[in-house]
Amino acid sequence: MIKILAACGAGVNSSHQIANAITEEMKKRGYRDIKVDALMVKDVNKEVLSKYDLYTPISKTETFGVNIPIVEAGPILYRVPAMAKPVFDKIEAEIKKMG
């Protein structure tokens, strides 16, 4: 199972939208063994990040020295396919690297 963390300022709306969008898009692309969680940026720390394979914040945030791939996912929120596709492509590329 590949675990992805989506994070936004409040952890209430945007991160959940991103988590749902990533889940749906990756399923369309054939990835079924993925779990995407949503969290507030203020709750992201070294211990939390160490439990994930990929981090998808809305904007650049602290990663506390945890060495996992980061894909900034903010463009997904615009719901414009031309803006979201490159983000989904980067996420998929990182998933492929994980095997």
Protein backbone atom coordinates (compact mmCIF):
# COMPACT_ATOMS: atom_id res chain seq x y z
CA MET A 1 0.00 0.00 0.00
CA ILE A 2 1.24 3.45 -0.94
CA LYS A 3 0.38 6.08 1.63
CA ILE A 4 0.01 9.71 0.57
CA LEU A 5 -0.53 12.72 2.82
CA ALA A 6 -2.40 15.80 1.56
CA ALA A 7 -2.10 18.93 3.70
CA CYS A 8 -3.62 22.40 3.75
CA GLY A 9 -3.83 25.30 6.15
CA ALA A 10 -6.93 24.21 8.04
CA GLY A 11 -7.10 20.52 7.13
CA VAL A 12 -10.82 20.88 6.65
CA ASN A 13 -11.62 21.44 3.01
CA SER A 14 -8.76 21.82 0.54
CA SER A 15 -6.72 18.87 1.78
CA HIS A 16 -9.80 16.65 1.62
CA GLN A 17 -10.54 17.83 -1.93
CA ILE A 18 -6.97 17.04 -2.92
CA ALA A 19 -7.06 13.66 -1.19
CA ASN A 20 -10.30 12.72 -2.96
CA ALA A 21 -9.05 13.96 -6.33
CA ILE A 22 -5.78 12.02 -6.02
CA THR A 23 -7.63 8.87 -4.97
CA GLU A 24 -10.08 9.11 -7.89
CA GLU A 25 -7.45 9.96 -10.50
CA MET A 26 -5.01 7.27 -9.42
CA LYS A 27 -7.82 4.69 -9.49
CA LYS A 28 -8.63 5.79 -13.06
CA ARG A 29 -4.96 5.22 -13.86
CA GLY A 30 -5.11 1.72 -12.42
CA TYR A 31 -3.63 2.24 -8.94
CA ARG A 32 -5.89 0.59 -6.39
CA ASP A 33 -3.51 0.08 -3.48
CA ILE A 34 -3.30 3.73 -2.44
CA LYS A 35 -4.45 5.46 0.72
CA VAL A 36 -4.60 9.26 0.83
CA ASP A 37 -5.05 11.04 4.14
CA ALA A 38 -5.78 14.75 4.76
CA LEU A 39 -4.29 16.82 7.55
CA MET A 40 -3.68 20.40 8.70
CA VAL A 41 -0.22 21.69 7.86
CA LYS A 42 0.30 22.65 11.51
CA ASP A 43 -0.09 18.97 12.45
CA VAL A 44 2.56 17.78 10.00
CA ASN A 45 5.80 16.88 11.74
CA LYS A 46 8.69 14.44 11.37
CA GLU A 47 6.80 11.59 13.03
CA VAL A 48 3.72 12.08 10.84
CA LEU A 49 5.70 12.35 7.59
CA SER A 50 7.70 9.23 8.43
CA LYS A 51 4.49 7.20 8.05
CA TYR A 52 3.92 8.27 4.42
CA ASP A 53 5.47 7.51 1.05
CA LEU A 54 4.51 10.80 -0.63
CA TYR A 55 3.58 14.27 0.63
CA THR A 56 1.19 16.49 -1.37
CA PRO A 57 0.82 19.89 0.32
CA ILE A 58 -0.97 22.84 -1.23
CA SER A 59 2.18 24.92 -1.02
CA LYS A 60 5.80 24.52 -0.02
CA THR A 61 6.07 23.48 3.64
CA GLU A 62 8.63 22.18 6.11
CA THR A 63 9.54 18.50 5.71
CA PHE A 64 11.60 18.14 8.91
CA GLY A 65 14.38 16.23 7.17
CA VAL A 66 12.12 13.33 6.22
CA ASN A 67 13.22 12.13 2.82
CA ILE A 68 9.99 11.41 0.93
CA PRO A 69 8.91 12.81 -2.43
CA ILE A 70 6.90 16.02 -2.34
CA VAL A 71 4.47 17.08 -5.05
CA GLU A 72 2.84 20.46 -4.57
CA ALA A 73 -0.84 19.76 -5.23
CA GLY A 74 -2.43 23.22 -5.12
CA PRO A 75 -3.30 23.30 -8.85
CA ILE A 76 -5.69 20.38 -8.32
CA LEU A 77 -8.02 22.77 -6.47
CA TYR A 78 -8.69 24.84 -9.58
CA ARG A 79 -10.47 21.88 -11.16
CA VAL A 80 -8.97 22.77 -14.52
CA PRO A 81 -7.78 19.56 -16.16
CA ALA A 82 -4.85 21.28 -17.89
CA MET A 83 -3.59 22.48 -14.48
CA ALA A 84 -4.29 19.29 -12.54
CA LYS A 85 -2.88 16.82 -15.08
CA PRO A 86 0.79 17.75 -14.54
CA VAL A 87 0.32 17.29 -10.79
CA PHE A 88 -1.32 13.89 -11.25
CA ASP A 89 1.45 12.94 -13.69
CA LYS A 90 4.10 13.83 -11.09
CA ILE A 91 2.27 11.82 -8.44
CA GLU A 92 2.04 8.85 -10.79
CA ALA A 93 5.75 9.16 -11.64
CA GLU A 94 6.62 9.04 -7.94
CA ILE A 95 4.35 6.00 -7.43
CA LYS A 96 6.06 4.22 -10.33
CA LYS A 97 9.46 4.89 -8.74
CA MET A 98 8.23 3.14 -5.59
CA GLY A 99 7.51 0.01 -7.60
